[in-house]
């Protein structure tokens, strides 16, 4: 009997891409089960890497333009436009990413999301009726005020559009668990600047409420504090839908349809630990597989499962480097990682097939 197996990997960051991981797993499947039907589905959790993921999954056209970067310097960014021109797929980090700011200049009291608004306005002028935005990796903590200013300057602030935002944090806009106190230190803020930023976020929320644009509870909405508070701007000013990034990607990939008649799904990432079950790619894949009653294996570069939490959820959990005593620097080499992933898949499938007299 021919078995259908899905390979649904995230990238092993700093090592191999999601595509390379899926390809290596597929080679392992073919070596063990030559007659298997294999579906390769490289994935992203909807933050940084969303546009590349969409470009692999859908017939889209890249759009490149120059916008103002996080320090208002000219910077080039790219987003993806659907074949019918109605949907744009974007990443906030393309216009105001932390990696665009040299470490010695990182200061979220000075960085801006203005370029994000310019990127969005470009898509709206092209006639897009829906924008899907991944908001991970920002250098900012301006609650999206720069974005709103750019949209106003372009005349697009009130252009009708459906907004879908990939958001996997539940932080409120301000306060001890808000955007400033939790995320700004990672972006270069001192303790004094964190306190100042928090006051500025509160003041922006109060001004928004006074203008009748939002009610007070919006500042406490899960995700309002995402990406330096830009989640709040999307909620209050655009009525955006904040969704799990991996769920957005799985829907784009038509994952549920591909699950039909599948006998096994193999997923994984660079390192799996307690964070994996908090919106990462394997977690999203796991939820869909459980709903469909399809077994799912987790094969990652490294596994930290001291509490056995992962083993209780996935049908099989394994490090692809298990038993390999070479130093980490070698294990992280792409050729080594792909070979170990292929070998692990082949061995596990052969053993499973022997125990079950074939599939």
Protein backbone atom coordinates (compact mmCIF):
# COMPACT_ATOMS: atom_id res chain seq x y z
CA UNK A 1 0.00 0.00 0.00
CA UNK A 2 1.34 3.44 -0.92
CA UNK A 3 1.68 5.74 2.06
CA UNK A 4 1.38 9.52 1.91
CA UNK A 5 3.90 11.35 4.10
CA UNK A 6 4.18 15.11 4.60
CA UNK A 7 7.49 16.77 5.46
CA UNK A 8 6.64 20.10 7.15
CA UNK A 9 9.79 21.73 8.53
CA UNK A 10 10.84 25.14 9.72
CA UNK A 11 14.38 26.27 8.98
CA UNK A 12 17.20 25.11 11.25
CA UNK A 13 18.33 28.69 11.83
CA UNK A 14 21.94 29.35 10.94
CA UNK A 15 22.20 25.89 9.42
CA UNK A 16 19.72 24.78 6.73
CA UNK A 17 16.61 26.31 5.21
CA UNK A 18 13.13 24.86 5.57
CA UNK A 19 13.32 23.76 1.93
CA UNK A 20 16.61 21.94 2.51
CA UNK A 21 15.19 20.22 5.59
CA UNK A 22 12.10 19.04 3.70
CA UNK A 23 14.26 17.84 0.82
CA UNK A 24 16.59 15.88 3.12
CA UNK A 25 13.65 14.27 4.93
CA UNK A 26 12.10 13.34 1.59
CA UNK A 27 15.31 11.62 0.53
CA UNK A 28 15.26 9.62 3.74
CA UNK A 29 11.65 8.61 3.10
CA UNK A 30 12.44 7.47 -0.46
CA UNK A 31 15.37 5.40 0.77
CA UNK A 32 13.16 3.58 3.27
CA UNK A 33 9.86 3.56 1.40
CA UNK A 34 10.43 3.92 -2.37
CA UNK A 35 6.70 3.77 -3.10
CA UNK A 36 5.64 6.47 -0.63
CA UNK A 37 3.84 9.58 -1.82
CA UNK A 38 5.77 12.53 -0.44
CA UNK A 39 4.55 16.11 -0.03
CA UNK A 40 7.24 18.64 0.85
CA UNK A 41 5.96 21.71 2.71
CA UNK A 42 8.66 24.13 3.93
CA UNK A 43 7.12 26.43 6.54
CA UNK A 44 7.66 29.57 8.60
CA UNK A 45 6.05 30.68 11.86
CA UNK A 46 4.82 33.86 10.17
CA UNK A 47 7.42 36.30 11.47
CA UNK A 48 10.68 36.89 9.70
CA UNK A 49 10.71 34.62 6.66
CA UNK A 50 6.97 34.96 5.95
CA UNK A 51 7.47 36.46 2.50
CA UNK A 52 10.01 33.84 1.44
CA UNK A 53 7.66 31.14 2.67
CA UNK A 54 4.74 32.59 0.71
CA UNK A 55 6.91 32.84 -2.39
CA UNK A 56 7.59 29.10 -2.12
CA UNK A 57 3.93 28.23 -1.64
CA UNK A 58 2.04 30.58 -3.96
CA UNK A 59 2.41 32.11 -7.44
CA UNK A 60 3.28 35.62 -6.27
CA UNK A 61 5.20 38.54 -7.73
CA UNK A 62 7.93 40.24 -5.69
CA UNK A 63 7.60 44.01 -5.34
CA UNK A 64 10.72 45.95 -4.37
CA UNK A 65 10.70 49.59 -3.33
CA UNK A 66 12.76 52.10 -1.36
CA UNK A 67 11.33 53.27 1.96
CA UNK A 68 12.61 55.02 5.06
CA UNK A 69 14.32 52.54 7.34
CA UNK A 70 14.24 52.40 11.15
CA UNK A 71 16.59 55.41 11.40
CA UNK A 72 14.83 57.18 8.48
CA UNK A 73 17.62 56.31 6.07
CA UNK A 74 16.68 55.03 2.57
CA UNK A 75 16.37 51.25 2.59
CA UNK A 76 15.18 48.73 0.03
CA UNK A 77 12.45 46.27 0.99
CA UNK A 78 10.47 43.60 -0.81
CA UNK A 79 6.97 42.22 -0.34
CA UNK A 80 4.94 39.68 -2.32
CA UNK A 81 1.85 40.38 -4.42
CA UNK A 82 -0.68 37.66 -5.22
CA UNK A 83 -1.31 36.64 -8.81
CA UNK A 84 -4.63 38.51 -8.88
CA UNK A 85 -3.08 41.62 -7.33
CA UNK A 86 -5.55 41.59 -4.45
CA UNK A 87 -3.37 40.40 -1.56
CA UNK A 88 0.02 41.62 -0.35
CA UNK A 89 2.24 39.60 1.96
CA UNK A 90 4.71 41.65 4.00
CA UNK A 91 7.18 41.56 6.88
CA UNK A 92 7.55 44.49 9.22
CA UNK A 93 11.24 43.63 9.58
CA UNK A 94 11.81 44.38 5.89
CA UNK A 95 11.27 48.07 6.64
CA UNK A 96 12.30 48.43 10.31
CA UNK A 97 14.13 45.27 11.30
CA UNK A 98 16.55 45.12 14.22
CA UNK A 99 19.26 43.73 11.95
CA UNK A 100 19.09 46.92 9.87
CA UNK A 101 20.45 48.93 12.80
CA UNK A 102 24.14 48.58 13.76
CA UNK A 103 24.50 47.37 17.37
CA UNK A 104 26.07 50.65 18.48
CA UNK A 105 23.10 52.64 17.12
CA UNK A 106 20.24 50.57 18.51
CA UNK A 107 17.93 52.90 20.40
CA UNK A 108 14.14 52.34 20.33
CA UNK A 109 13.57 55.94 21.46
CA UNK A 110 14.76 56.95 17.98
CA UNK A 111 13.71 54.15 15.63
CA UNK A 112 10.48 54.36 13.64
CA UNK A 113 7.96 52.23 11.76
CA UNK A 114 7.51 54.95 9.11
CA UNK A 115 8.82 52.66 6.34
CA UNK A 116 6.20 50.04 7.20
CA UNK A 117 3.47 52.55 6.42
CA UNK A 118 5.18 53.44 3.13
CA UNK A 119 5.30 49.76 2.17
CA UNK A 120 1.62 49.33 3.04
CA UNK A 121 0.63 52.48 1.15
CA UNK A 122 2.41 51.15 -1.95
CA UNK A 123 0.29 48.00 -1.87
CA UNK A 124 -2.92 49.97 -1.33
CA UNK A 125 -2.14 52.24 -4.28
CA UNK A 126 -1.77 49.10 -6.39
CA UNK A 127 -5.33 48.13 -5.49
CA UNK A 128 -4.73 45.50 -2.81
CA UNK A 129 -7.76 44.72 -0.71
CA UNK A 130 -5.97 42.51 1.81
CA UNK A 131 -2.60 42.81 3.51
CA UNK A 132 -1.04 39.99 5.53
CA UNK A 133 1.75 41.27 7.78
CA UNK A 134 4.35 39.36 9.79
CA UNK A 135 5.50 41.59 12.65
CA UNK A 136 8.52 39.83 14.16
CA UNK A 137 12.03 41.21 14.46
CA UNK A 138 11.40 44.95 14.76
CA UNK A 139 13.89 47.56 15.98
CA UNK A 140 11.07 49.81 17.19
CA UNK A 141 8.88 50.68 20.15
CA UNK A 142 6.72 53.48 18.74
CA UNK A 143 3.32 51.70 18.88
CA UNK A 144 3.13 52.03 15.10
CA UNK A 145 2.95 55.83 15.23
CA UNK A 146 5.51 56.09 12.45
CA UNK A 147 3.46 53.71 10.32
CA UNK A 148 0.31 55.75 10.89
CA UNK A 149 2.14 58.97 10.01
CA UNK A 150 3.34 57.51 6.71
CA UNK A 151 -0.14 56.23 5.88
CA UNK A 152 -1.55 59.68 6.61
CA UNK A 153 1.16 61.39 4.54
CA UNK A 154 0.36 59.09 1.61
CA UNK A 155 -3.38 59.68 1.87
CA UNK A 156 -3.98 55.96 2.48
CA UNK A 157 -4.83 55.98 6.19
CA UNK A 158 -8.55 55.42 5.57
CA UNK A 159 -8.29 53.23 2.45
CA UNK A 160 -10.53 50.18 2.94
CA UNK A 161 -8.52 47.00 3.41
CA UNK A 162 -8.65 43.67 5.25
CA UNK A 163 -5.71 43.40 7.65
CA UNK A 164 -4.35 40.09 8.94
CA UNK A 165 -1.39 40.28 11.32
CA UNK A 166 0.80 37.33 12.25
CA UNK A 167 1.28 37.73 16.00
CA UNK A 168 2.47 35.11 18.46
CA UNK A 169 2.91 37.13 21.65
CA UNK A 170 0.13 38.01 24.08
CA UNK A 171 1.67 41.08 25.71
CA UNK A 172 -0.42 44.21 26.37
CA UNK A 173 0.66 47.61 25.08
CA UNK A 174 2.13 49.00 28.29
CA UNK A 175 2.89 48.09 31.90
CA UNK A 176 5.27 45.49 33.41
CA UNK A 177 4.43 42.96 30.69
CA UNK A 178 4.09 45.53 27.92
CA UNK A 179 6.10 46.36 24.84
CA UNK A 180 8.64 48.62 26.54
CA UNK A 181 9.52 46.59 29.61
CA UNK A 182 9.58 43.20 27.89
CA UNK A 183 10.99 43.94 24.44
CA UNK A 184 12.75 47.32 24.40
CA UNK A 185 15.86 46.14 26.30
CA UNK A 186 16.48 43.63 23.52
CA UNK A 187 16.47 46.56 21.11
CA UNK A 188 19.05 48.62 22.96
CA UNK A 189 17.00 50.55 25.53
CA UNK A 190 18.44 51.47 28.93
CA UNK A 191 16.28 51.13 32.07
CA UNK A 192 15.61 54.89 31.97
CA UNK A 193 14.61 54.68 28.31
CA UNK A 194 12.33 51.72 29.02
CA UNK A 195 10.42 53.78 31.58
CA UNK A 196 10.19 56.72 29.15
CA UNK A 197 8.98 54.48 26.34
CA UNK A 198 6.31 52.97 28.59
CA UNK A 199 5.03 56.45 29.42
CA UNK A 200 4.94 57.30 25.72
CA UNK A 201 2.97 54.14 24.93
CA UNK A 202 0.46 55.01 27.66
CA UNK A 203 0.13 58.56 26.33
CA UNK A 204 -0.49 57.28 22.79
CA UNK A 205 -3.21 54.94 24.05
CA UNK A 206 -4.86 57.78 25.99
CA UNK A 207 -4.77 60.05 22.92
CA UNK A 208 -6.26 57.28 20.77
CA UNK A 209 -9.03 56.75 23.31
CA UNK A 210 -9.70 60.49 23.61
CA UNK A 211 -10.10 60.66 19.82
CA UNK A 212 -12.80 58.00 20.01
CA UNK A 213 -10.73 55.54 17.98
CA UNK A 214 -10.35 52.88 20.67
CA UNK A 215 -11.70 51.98 24.08
CA UNK A 216 -9.37 51.42 27.07
CA UNK A 217 -9.47 47.63 26.87
CA UNK A 218 -7.71 47.65 23.51
CA UNK A 219 -4.39 48.44 25.22
CA UNK A 220 -4.77 45.18 27.17
CA UNK A 221 -5.72 43.10 24.15
CA UNK A 222 -3.37 40.10 23.77
CA UNK A 223 -0.78 41.09 21.18
CA UNK A 224 -1.25 44.85 21.51
CA UNK A 225 2.35 45.08 22.70
CA UNK A 226 3.75 43.01 19.85
CA UNK A 227 6.63 44.47 17.81
CA UNK A 228 7.03 47.54 19.96
CA UNK A 229 3.29 48.14 20.28
CA UNK A 230 2.46 48.09 16.58
CA UNK A 231 -0.10 45.39 17.37
CA UNK A 232 -2.12 48.10 19.12
CA UNK A 233 -2.04 50.37 16.07
CA UNK A 234 -3.24 47.57 13.81
CA UNK A 235 -6.06 46.72 16.21
CA UNK A 236 -7.22 50.25 16.97
CA UNK A 237 -6.72 52.03 13.67
CA UNK A 238 -7.26 49.26 11.12
CA UNK A 239 -9.45 46.72 12.91
CA UNK A 240 -6.88 44.05 12.11
CA UNK A 241 -7.24 40.39 12.92
CA UNK A 242 -4.30 39.17 15.01
CA UNK A 243 -3.66 35.49 14.33
CA UNK A 244 -1.04 32.88 15.08
CA UNK A 245 1.64 33.18 12.42
CA UNK A 246 1.95 29.46 11.82
CA UNK A 247 -1.83 29.14 11.40
CA UNK A 248 -1.73 31.84 8.71
CA UNK A 249 1.06 30.00 6.91
CA UNK A 250 -0.65 26.61 7.23
CA UNK A 251 -3.83 28.05 5.72
CA UNK A 252 -1.84 29.57 2.83
CA UNK A 253 -0.21 26.18 2.28
CA UNK A 254 -3.60 24.44 2.33
CA UNK A 255 -2.13 22.14 4.95
CA UNK A 256 -5.47 20.66 6.04
CA UNK A 257 -6.21 19.59 2.48
CA UNK A 258 -2.79 17.97 2.15
CA UNK A 259 -3.41 16.11 5.43
CA UNK A 260 -6.24 14.18 3.83
CA UNK A 261 -5.23 10.54 3.37
CA UNK A 262 -1.81 11.23 4.92
CA UNK A 263 -0.42 8.46 7.11
CA UNK A 264 2.37 10.46 8.75
CA UNK A 265 3.70 14.00 9.10
CA UNK A 266 7.35 14.73 9.92
CA UNK A 267 8.16 18.17 11.29
CA UNK A 268 11.08 19.85 13.02
CA UNK A 269 13.26 22.90 13.65
CA UNK A 270 16.76 23.81 14.75
CA UNK A 271 16.14 23.29 18.47
CA UNK A 272 12.99 22.03 20.17
CA UNK A 273 12.31 22.82 23.83
CA UNK A 274 9.64 24.36 26.04
CA UNK A 275 9.21 27.22 23.57
CA UNK A 276 8.21 24.85 20.78
CA UNK A 277 4.66 24.50 22.11
CA UNK A 278 4.19 28.28 22.13
CA UNK A 279 3.29 28.94 18.51
CA UNK A 280 6.34 27.53 16.74
CA UNK A 281 6.04 25.67 13.44
CA UNK A 282 6.01 22.14 14.97
CA UNK A 283 3.27 23.20 17.41
CA UNK A 284 1.04 24.48 14.62
CA UNK A 285 1.63 21.29 12.65
CA UNK A 286 0.92 19.20 15.76
CA UNK A 287 -2.45 20.90 16.39
CA UNK A 288 -3.63 20.32 12.84
CA UNK A 289 -2.44 16.69 12.86
CA UNK A 290 -4.22 15.97 16.13
CA UNK A 291 -7.45 17.39 14.73
CA UNK A 292 -7.10 15.15 11.69
CA UNK A 293 -5.94 12.08 13.64
CA UNK A 294 -2.63 11.86 11.76
CA UNK A 295 0.57 10.77 13.58
CA UNK A 296 3.33 13.41 13.74
CA UNK A 297 7.04 13.03 14.41
CA UNK A 298 9.33 15.80 15.68
CA UNK A 299 12.91 15.58 14.35
CA UNK A 300 15.06 18.58 15.24
CA UNK A 301 18.71 19.50 15.39
CA UNK A 302 18.64 19.55 19.20
CA UNK A 303 16.01 18.36 21.66
CA UNK A 304 15.62 19.69 25.21
CA UNK A 305 12.77 17.66 26.63
CA UNK A 306 13.77 17.21 30.28
CA UNK A 307 10.13 17.44 31.36
CA UNK A 308 9.05 14.99 28.62
CA UNK A 309 6.45 17.54 27.52
CA UNK A 310 7.32 17.15 23.86
CA UNK A 311 7.29 13.35 24.11
CA UNK A 312 3.78 13.46 25.54
CA UNK A 313 2.49 15.43 22.55
CA UNK A 314 4.39 14.13 19.53
CA UNK A 315 4.29 10.48 18.49
CA UNK A 316 8.08 10.44 18.17
CA UNK A 317 10.71 12.95 19.30
CA UNK A 318 14.30 12.62 18.16
CA UNK A 319 17.41 14.72 17.65
CA UNK A 320 18.90 14.18 14.20
CA UNK A 321 22.33 14.37 15.86
CA UNK A 322 21.69 11.63 18.40
CA UNK A 323 24.83 9.51 18.76
CA UNK A 324 26.93 11.88 16.64
CA UNK A 325 29.90 12.92 18.77
CA UNK A 326 31.30 15.53 16.40
CA UNK A 327 31.59 19.09 17.79
CA UNK A 328 28.65 21.46 17.39
CA UNK A 329 30.54 23.55 14.83
CA UNK A 330 30.58 20.51 12.53
CA UNK A 331 27.01 19.47 13.26
CA UNK A 332 25.86 22.94 12.18
CA UNK A 333 27.44 22.58 8.75
CA UNK A 334 24.63 22.29 6.16
CA UNK A 335 26.02 19.14 4.56
CA UNK A 336 26.27 17.41 7.94
CA UNK A 337 22.79 18.50 9.04
CA UNK A 338 21.08 17.37 5.84
CA UNK A 339 22.91 14.03 5.91
CA UNK A 340 21.96 13.43 9.55
CA UNK A 341 18.33 14.37 8.91
CA UNK A 342 18.12 12.06 5.92
CA UNK A 343 19.76 9.23 7.88
CA UNK A 344 17.48 9.69 10.90
CA UNK A 345 14.31 9.61 8.79
CA UNK A 346 15.50 6.54 6.89
CA UNK A 347 16.39 4.60 10.06
CA UNK A 348 13.19 5.49 11.90
CA UNK A 349 10.97 4.58 8.97
CA UNK A 350 12.77 1.28 8.35
CA UNK A 351 12.46 0.33 12.03
CA UNK A 352 8.82 1.36 12.15
CA UNK A 353 8.06 -0.54 8.97
CA UNK A 354 9.68 -3.72 10.32
CA UNK A 355 7.72 -3.51 13.56
CA UNK A 356 4.45 -3.03 11.71
CA UNK A 357 5.08 -5.38 8.81
CA UNK A 358 5.09 -2.47 6.40
CA UNK A 359 2.70 0.44 6.40
